[in-house]
PDB file of N, CA and C in Angstrom:
ATOM      1  N   MET A   1     106.063 124.752  93.709  1.00  0.00           N
ATOM      2  CA  MET A   1     106.047 123.418  93.148  1.00  0.00           C
ATOM      3  C   MET A   1     105.598 122.375  94.165  1.00  0.00           C
ATOM      4  N   ASP A   2     106.026 122.521  95.408  1.00  0.00           N
ATOM      5  CA  ASP A   2     105.672 121.524  96.410  1.00  0.00           C
ATOM      6  C   ASP A   2     104.169 121.489  96.663  1.00  0.00           C
ATOM      7  N   GLU A   3     103.541 122.655  96.651  1.00  0.00           N
ATOM      8  CA  GLU A   3     102.088 122.706  96.859  1.00  0.00           C
ATOM      9  C   GLU A   3     101.358 121.987  95.736  1.00  0.00           C
ATOM     10  N   ASN A   4     101.825 122.171  94.519  1.00  0.00           N
ATOM     11  CA  ASN A   4     101.202 121.517  93.371  1.00  0.00           C
ATOM     12  C   ASN A   4     101.371 120.004  93.450  1.00  0.00           C
ATOM     13  N   LYS A   5     102.557 119.548  93.844  1.00  0.00           N
ATOM     14  CA  LYS A   5     102.786 118.109  93.988  1.00  0.00           C
ATOM     15  C   LYS A   5     101.889 117.516  95.068  1.00  0.00           C
ATOM     16  N   ARG A   6     101.770 118.226  96.170  1.00  0.00           N
ATOM     17  CA  ARG A   6     100.926 117.732  97.263  1.00  0.00           C
ATOM     18  C   ARG A   6      99.471 117.632  96.815  1.00  0.00           C
ATOM     19  N   ARG A   7      99.017 118.624  96.074  1.00  0.00           N
ATOM     20  CA  ARG A   7      97.654 118.598  95.560  1.00  0.00           C
ATOM     21  C   ARG A   7      97.438 117.429  94.598  1.00  0.00           C
ATOM     22  N   LEU A   8      98.414 117.178  93.734  1.00  0.00           N
ATOM     23  CA  LEU A   8      98.314 116.051  92.807  1.00  0.00           C
ATOM     24  C   LEU A   8      98.284 114.724  93.552  1.00  0.00           C
ATOM     25  N   TRP A   9      99.142 114.577  94.569  1.00  0.00           N
ATOM     26  CA  TRP A   9      99.146 113.329  95.339  1.00  0.00           C
ATOM     27  C   TRP A   9      97.819 113.117  96.058  1.00  0.00           C
ATOM     28  N   SER A  10      97.256 114.186  96.622  1.00  0.00           N
ATOM     29  CA  SER A  10      95.977 114.023  97.320  1.00  0.00           C
ATOM     30  C   SER A  10      94.857 113.702  96.341  1.00  0.00           C
ATOM     31  N   SER A  11      94.890 114.272  95.143  1.00  0.00           N
ATOM     32  CA  SER A  11      93.851 113.944  94.165  1.00  0.00           C
ATOM     33  C   SER A  11      93.992 112.500  93.693  1.00  0.00           C
ATOM     34  N   ILE A  12      95.230 112.022  93.563  1.00  0.00           N
ATOM     35  CA  ILE A  12      95.435 110.622  93.200  1.00  0.00           C
ATOM     36  C   ILE A  12      94.889 109.714  94.294  1.00  0.00           C
ATOM     37  N   ALA A  13      95.161 110.052  95.549  1.00  0.00           N
ATOM     38  CA  ALA A  13      94.680 109.225  96.661  1.00  0.00           C
ATOM     39  C   ALA A  13      93.155 109.176  96.697  1.00  0.00           C
ATOM     40  N   ILE A  14      92.513 110.307  96.480  1.00  0.00           N
ATOM     41  CA  ILE A  14      91.048 110.346  96.483  1.00  0.00           C
ATOM     42  C   ILE A  14      90.494 109.508  95.339  1.00  0.00           C
ATOM     43  N   ARG A  15      91.108 109.600  94.174  1.00  0.00           N
ATOM     44  CA  ARG A  15      90.627 108.829  93.022  1.00  0.00           C
ATOM     45  C   ARG A  15      90.830 107.333  93.217  1.00  0.00           C
ATOM     46  N   VAL A  16      91.946 106.948  93.813  1.00  0.00           N
ATOM     47  CA  VAL A  16      92.175 105.523  94.076  1.00  0.00           C
ATOM     48  C   VAL A  16      91.151 105.012  95.085  1.00  0.00           C
ATOM     49  N   PHE A  17      90.846 105.807  96.109  1.00  0.00           N
ATOM     50  CA  PHE A  17      89.817 105.420  97.068  1.00  0.00           C
ATOM     51  C   PHE A  17      88.466 105.270  96.373  1.00  0.00           C
ATOM     52  N   ALA A  18      88.131 106.191  95.485  1.00  0.00           N
ATOM     53  CA  ALA A  18      86.867 106.093  94.746  1.00  0.00           C
ATOM     54  C   ALA A  18      86.843 104.848  93.872  1.00  0.00           C
ATOM     55  N   LEU A  19      87.973 104.524  93.259  1.00  0.00           N
ATOM     56  CA  LEU A  19      88.063 103.321  92.437  1.00  0.00           C
ATOM     57  C   LEU A  19      87.827 102.072  93.277  1.00  0.00           C
ATOM     58  N   LEU A  20      88.458 102.008  94.438  1.00  0.00           N
ATOM     59  CA  LEU A  20      88.264 100.856  95.318  1.00  0.00           C
ATOM     60  C   LEU A  20      86.821 100.756  95.794  1.00  0.00           C
ATOM     61  N   TYR A  21      86.204 101.896  96.079  1.00  0.00           N
ATOM     62  CA  TYR A  21      84.813 101.881  96.520  1.00  0.00           C
ATOM     63  C   TYR A  21      83.887 101.395  95.400  1.00  0.00           C
ATOM     64  N   LEU A  22      84.134 101.823  94.175  1.00  0.00           N
ATOM     65  CA  LEU A  22      83.326 101.346  93.050  1.00  0.00           C
ATOM     66  C   LEU A  22      83.519  99.848  92.825  1.00  0.00           C
ATOM     67  N   LEU A  23      84.744  99.366  93.002  1.00  0.00           N
ATOM     68  CA  LEU A  23      84.979  97.927  92.888  1.00  0.00           C
ATOM     69  C   LEU A  23      84.227  97.166  93.974  1.00  0.00           C
ATOM     70  N   TYR A  24      84.180  97.732  95.177  1.00  0.00           N
ATOM     71  CA  TYR A  24      83.429  97.104  96.266  1.00  0.00           C
ATOM     72  C   TYR A  24      81.935  97.056  95.942  1.00  0.00           C
ATOM     73  N   ILE A  25      81.408  98.156  95.416  1.00  0.00           N
ATOM     74  CA  ILE A  25      79.991  98.189  95.031  1.00  0.00           C
ATOM     75  C   ILE A  25      79.716  97.150  93.954  1.00  0.00           C
ATOM     76  N   LEU A  26      80.605  97.049  92.988  1.00  0.00           N
ATOM     77  CA  LEU A  26      80.439  96.060  91.923  1.00  0.00           C
ATOM     78  C   LEU A  26      80.468  94.642  92.487  1.00  0.00           C
ATOM     79  N   TYR A  27      81.363  94.386  93.418  1.00  0.00           N
ATOM     80  CA  TYR A  27      81.443  93.065  94.056  1.00  0.00           C
ATOM     81  C   TYR A  27      80.153  92.745  94.815  1.00  0.00           C
ATOM     82  N   LYS A  28      79.684  93.695  95.617  1.00  0.00           N
ATOM     83  CA  LYS A  28      78.461  93.458  96.393  1.00  0.00           C
ATOM     84  C   LYS A  28      77.258  93.260  95.474  1.00  0.00           C
ATOM     85  N   LEU A  29      77.170  94.052  94.430  1.00  0.00           N
ATOM     86  CA  LEU A  29      76.068  93.908  93.485  1.00  0.00           C
ATOM     87  C   LEU A  29      76.133  92.554  92.797  1.00  0.00           C
ATOM     88  N   GLY A  30      77.334  92.127  92.434  1.00  0.00           N
ATOM     89  CA  GLY A  30      77.494  90.821  91.795  1.00  0.00           C
ATOM     90  C   GLY A  30      77.110  89.672  92.701  1.00  0.00           C
ATOM     91  N   THR A  31      77.496  89.753  93.970  1.00  0.00           N
ATOM     92  CA  THR A  31      77.137  88.669  94.888  1.00  0.00           C
ATOM     93  C   THR A  31      75.640  88.655  95.159  1.00  0.00           C
ATOM     94  N   LEU A  32      75.037  89.821  95.279  1.00  0.00           N
ATOM     95  CA  LEU A  32      73.583  89.864  95.475  1.00  0.00           C
ATOM     96  C   LEU A  32      72.855  89.316  94.258  1.00  0.00           C
ATOM     97  N   HIS A  33      73.317  89.691  93.082  1.00  0.00           N
ATOM     98  CA  HIS A  33      72.653  89.240  91.857  1.00  0.00           C
ATOM     99  C   HIS A  33      72.831  87.735  91.668  1.00  0.00           C
ATOM    100  N   ALA A  34      74.010  87.225  91.997  1.00  0.00           N
ATOM    101  CA  ALA A  34      74.248  85.785  91.868  1.00  0.00           C
ATOM    102  C   ALA A  34      73.366  84.997  92.828  1.00  0.00           C
ATOM    103  N   ALA A  35      73.072  85.583  93.984  1.00  0.00           N
ATOM    104  CA  ALA A  35      72.213  84.914  94.960  1.00  0.00           C
ATOM    105  C   ALA A  35      70.738  85.097  94.632  1.00  0.00           C
ATOM    106  N   GLY A  36      70.448  85.913  93.635  1.00  0.00           N
ATOM    107  CA  GLY A  36      69.056  86.153  93.252  1.00  0.00           C
ATOM    108  C   GLY A  36      68.352  87.157  94.136  1.00  0.00           C
ATOM    109  N   ALA A  37      69.105  87.916  94.922  1.00  0.00           N
ATOM    110  CA  ALA A  37      68.502  88.856  95.862  1.00  0.00           C
ATOM    111  C   ALA A  37      68.631  90.309  95.426  1.00  0.00           C
ATOM    112  N   SER A  38      69.097  90.559  94.205  1.00  0.00           N
ATOM    113  CA  SER A  38      69.291  91.946  93.788  1.00  0.00           C
ATOM    114  C   SER A  38      67.982  92.613  93.390  1.00  0.00           C
ATOM    115  N   GLY A  39      67.033  91.838  92.925  1.00  0.00           N
ATOM    116  CA  GLY A  39      65.739  92.391  92.560  1.00  0.00           C
ATOM    117  C   GLY A  39      65.719  93.102  91.223  1.00  0.00           C
ATOM    118  N   VAL A  40      66.749  92.924  90.403  1.00  0.00           N
ATOM    119  CA  VAL A  40      66.782  93.550  89.090  1.00  0.00           C
ATOM    120  C   VAL A  40      66.935  92.472  88.025  1.00  0.00           C
ATOM    121  N   SER A  41      66.530  92.823  86.813  1.00  0.00           N
ATOM    122  CA  SER A  41      66.647  91.869  85.711  1.00  0.00           C
ATOM    123  C   SER A  41      68.100  91.775  85.246  1.00  0.00           C
ATOM    124  N   GLU A  42      68.353  90.811  84.390  1.00  0.00           N
ATOM    125  CA  GLU A  42      69.712  90.592  83.880  1.00  0.00           C
ATOM    126  C   GLU A  42      70.204  91.804  83.081  1.00  0.00           C
ATOM    127  N   LEU A  43      69.328  92.388  82.275  1.00  0.00           N
ATOM    128  CA  LEU A  43      69.708  93.542  81.459  1.00  0.00           C
ATOM    129  C   LEU A  43      70.065  94.744  82.325  1.00  0.00           C
ATOM    130  N   VAL A  44      69.270  95.007  83.343  1.00  0.00           N
ATOM    131  CA  VAL A  44      69.549  96.132  84.237  1.00  0.00           C
ATOM    132  C   VAL A  44      70.870  95.901  84.966  1.00  0.00           C
ATOM    133  N   PHE A  45      71.102  94.678  85.396  1.00  0.00           N
ATOM    134  CA  PHE A  45      72.357  94.347  86.073  1.00  0.00           C
ATOM    135  C   PHE A  45      73.552  94.596  85.162  1.00  0.00           C
ATOM    136  N   ILE A  46      73.453  94.177  83.914  1.00  0.00           N
ATOM    137  CA  ILE A  46      74.548  94.383  82.962  1.00  0.00           C
ATOM    138  C   ILE A  46      74.763  95.870  82.698  1.00  0.00           C
ATOM    139  N   LEU A  47      73.691  96.636  82.582  1.00  0.00           N
ATOM    140  CA  LEU A  47      73.819  98.086  82.374  1.00  0.00           C
ATOM    141  C   LEU A  47      74.503  98.762  83.557  1.00  0.00           C
ATOM    142  N   ILE A  48      74.117  98.389  84.759  1.00  0.00           N
ATOM    143  CA  ILE A  48      74.734  98.972  85.953  1.00  0.00           C
ATOM    144  C   ILE A  48      76.218  98.626  86.001  1.00  0.00           C
ATOM    145  N   CYS A  49      76.548  97.382  85.705  1.00  0.00           N
ATOM    146  CA  CYS A  49      77.957  96.965  85.695  1.00  0.00           C
ATOM    147  C   CYS A  49      78.742  97.722  84.632  1.00  0.00           C
ATOM    148  N   ALA A  50      78.140  97.949  83.479  1.00  0.00           N
ATOM    149  CA  ALA A  50      78.819  98.687  82.411  1.00  0.00           C
ATOM    150  C   ALA A  50      79.064 100.138  82.815  1.00  0.00           C
ATOM    151  N   ILE A  51      78.095 100.758  83.458  1.00  0.00           N
ATOM    152  CA  ILE A  51      78.256 102.142  83.911  1.00  0.00           C
ATOM    153  C   ILE A  51      79.368 102.235  84.946  1.00  0.00           C
ATOM    154  N   ILE A  52      79.395 101.291  85.882  1.00  0.00           N
ATOM    155  CA  ILE A  52      80.448 101.288  86.895  1.00  0.00           C
ATOM    156  C   ILE A  52      81.811 101.056  86.246  1.00  0.00           C
ATOM    157  N   ALA A  53      81.875 100.166  85.265  1.00  0.00           N
ATOM    158  CA  ALA A  53      83.145  99.892  84.581  1.00  0.00           C
ATOM    159  C   ALA A  53      83.648 101.126  83.834  1.00  0.00           C
ATOM    160  N   ILE A  54      82.753 101.863  83.202  1.00  0.00           N
ATOM    161  CA  ILE A  54      83.145 103.094  82.506  1.00  0.00           C
ATOM    162  C   ILE A  54      83.666 104.125  83.507  1.00  0.00           C
ATOM    163  N   ALA A  55      82.987 104.241  84.649  1.00  0.00           N
ATOM    164  CA  ALA A  55      83.453 105.171  85.682  1.00  0.00           C
ATOM    165  C   ALA A  55      84.830 104.763  86.196  1.00  0.00           C
ATOM    166  N   GLU A  56      85.052 103.462  86.364  1.00  0.00           N
ATOM    167  CA  GLU A  56      86.357 102.990  86.820  1.00  0.00           C
ATOM    168  C   GLU A  56      87.449 103.298  85.799  1.00  0.00           C
ATOM    169  N   LEU A  57      87.159 103.105  84.529  1.00  0.00           N
ATOM    170  CA  LEU A  57      88.144 103.422  83.492  1.00  0.00           C
ATOM    171  C   LEU A  57      88.469 104.912  83.469  1.00  0.00           C
ATOM    172  N   ALA A  58      87.458 105.744  83.671  1.00  0.00           N
ATOM    173  CA  ALA A  58      87.689 107.189  83.705  1.00  0.00           C
ATOM    174  C   ALA A  58      88.577 107.563  84.888  1.00  0.00           C
ATOM    175  N   ILE A  59      88.348 106.939  86.030  1.00  0.00           N
ATOM    176  CA  ILE A  59      89.173 107.221  87.205  1.00  0.00           C
ATOM    177  C   ILE A  59      90.610 106.780  86.968  1.00  0.00           C
ATOM    178  N   VAL A  60      90.788 105.594  86.399  1.00  0.00           N
ATOM    179  CA  VAL A  60      92.141 105.102  86.114  1.00  0.00           C
ATOM    180  C   VAL A  60      92.855 106.049  85.153  1.00  0.00           C
ATOM    181  N   TYR A  61      92.156 106.551  84.158  1.00  0.00           N
ATOM    182  CA  TYR A  61      92.766 107.476  83.201  1.00  0.00           C
ATOM    183  C   TYR A  61      93.192 108.776  83.885  1.00  0.00           C
ATOM    184  N   THR A  62      92.356 109.315  84.763  1.00  0.00           N
ATOM    185  CA  THR A  62      92.723 110.561  85.434  1.00  0.00           C
ATOM    186  C   THR A  62      93.892 110.346  86.393  1.00  0.00           C
ATOM    187  N   VAL A  63      93.949 109.177  87.037  1.00  0.00           N
ATOM    188  CA  VAL A  63      95.100 108.878  87.896  1.00  0.00           C
ATOM    189  C   VAL A  63      96.367 108.794  87.050  1.00  0.00           C
ATOM    190  N   TYR A  64      96.271 108.164  85.897  1.00  0.00           N
ATOM    191  CA  TYR A  64      97.424 108.062  84.993  1.00  0.00           C
ATOM    192  C   TYR A  64      97.902 109.451  84.569  1.00  0.00           C
ATOM    193  N   ARG A  65      96.971 110.326  84.214  1.00  0.00           N
ATOM    194  CA  ARG A  65      97.358 111.680  83.790  1.00  0.00           C
ATOM    195  C   ARG A  65      97.997 112.460  84.929  1.00  0.00           C
ATOM    196  N   SER A  66      97.463 112.306  86.141  1.00  0.00           N
ATOM    197  CA  SER A  66      98.057 112.989  87.289  1.00  0.00           C
ATOM    198  C   SER A  66      99.458 112.463  87.566  1.00  0.00           C
ATOM    199  N   ALA A  67      99.648 111.160  87.421  1.00  0.00           N
ATOM    200  CA  ALA A  67     100.976 110.581  87.621  1.00  0.00           C
ATOM    201  C   ALA A  67     101.953 111.101  86.572  1.00  0.00           C
ATOM    202  N   GLN A  68     101.490 111.274  85.354  1.00  0.00           N
ATOM    203  CA  GLN A  68     102.353 111.832  84.311  1.00  0.00           C
ATOM    204  C   GLN A  68     102.737 113.276  84.637  1.00  0.00           C
ATOM    205  N   ARG A  69     101.792 114.044  85.180  1.00  0.00           N
ATOM    206  CA  ARG A  69     102.108 115.415  85.580  1.00  0.00           C
ATOM    207  C   ARG A  69     103.139 115.437  86.702  1.00  0.00           C
ATOM    208  N   LEU A  70     102.977 114.520  87.670  1.00  0.00           N
ATOM    209  CA  LEU A  70     103.956 114.438  88.750  1.00  0.00           C
ATOM    210  C   LEU A  70     105.338 114.077  88.210  1.00  0.00           C
ATOM    211  N   LYS A  71     105.369 113.162  87.274  1.00  0.00           N
ATOM    212  CA  LYS A  71     106.637 112.749  86.677  1.00  0.00           C
ATOM    213  C   LYS A  71     107.284 113.924  85.938  1.00  0.00           C
ATOM    214  N   ALA A  72     106.481 114.682  85.218  1.00  0.00           N
ATOM    215  CA  ALA A  72     107.001 115.839  84.487  1.00  0.00           C
ATOM    216  C   ALA A  72     107.518 116.906  85.449  1.00  0.00           C
ATOM    217  N   GLU A  73     106.805 117.124  86.545  1.00  0.00           N
ATOM    218  CA  GLU A  73     107.264 118.113  87.518  1.00  0.00           C
ATOM    219  C   GLU A  73     108.538 117.654  88.202  1.00  0.00           C
ATOM    220  N   GLY A  74     108.655 116.344  88.444  1.00  0.00           N
ATOM    221  CA  GLY A  74     109.884 115.815  89.036  1.00  0.00           C
ATOM    222  C   GLY A  74     111.069 116.011  88.116  1.00  0.00           C
ATOM    223  N   ALA A  75     110.863 115.806  86.829  1.00  0.00           N
ATOM    224  CA  ALA A  75     111.934 116.016  85.851  1.00  0.00           C
ATOM    225  C   ALA A  75     112.290 117.495  85.761  1.00  0.00           C
ATOM    226  N   LYS A  76     111.270 118.353  85.863  1.00  0.00           N
ATOM    227  CA  LYS A  76     111.518 119.793  85.807  1.00  0.00           C
ATOM    228  C   LYS A  76     112.304 120.240  87.038  1.00  0.00           C
ATOM    229  N   ASP A  77     111.970 119.674  88.212  1.00  0.00           N
ATOM    230  CA  ASP A  77     112.691 120.026  89.436  1.00  0.00           C
ATOM    231  C   ASP A  77     114.147 119.582  89.376  1.00  0.00           C
ATOM    232  N   LYS A  78     114.408 118.422  88.784  1.00  0.00           N
ATOM    233  CA  LYS A  78     115.785 117.943  88.664  1.00  0.00           C
ATOM    234  C   LYS A  78     116.577 118.797  87.687  1.00  0.00           C
ATOM    235  N   GLY A  79     115.893 119.351  86.697  1.00  0.00           N
ATOM    236  CA  GLY A  79     116.559 120.178  85.697  1.00  0.00           C
ATOM    237  C   GLY A  79     116.922 121.556  86.204  1.00  0.00           C
ATOM    238  N   GLU A  80     116.238 122.020  87.228  1.00  0.00           N
ATOM    239  CA  GLU A  80     116.493 123.377  87.737  1.00  0.00           C
ATOM    240  C   GLU A  80     117.683 123.435  88.636  1.00  0.00           C
TER     241      GLU A  80
END
């Protein structure tokens, strides 16, 4: 059980790091686009932002599911 919990915690940490990195990319892209230095049209910018937002939602969902698994394993450990 401990190995499984450790694996879940490390996967959560990696996903949170990926989420933060995607937010950073979105921030940098937004500041470049606002300054007019991104070199892309408004439609392309919106599409890129939408793709990043979908990826962020997917990461948040997987973190939520992993947290639920950890919670279930914690309850199972207390029951034993």
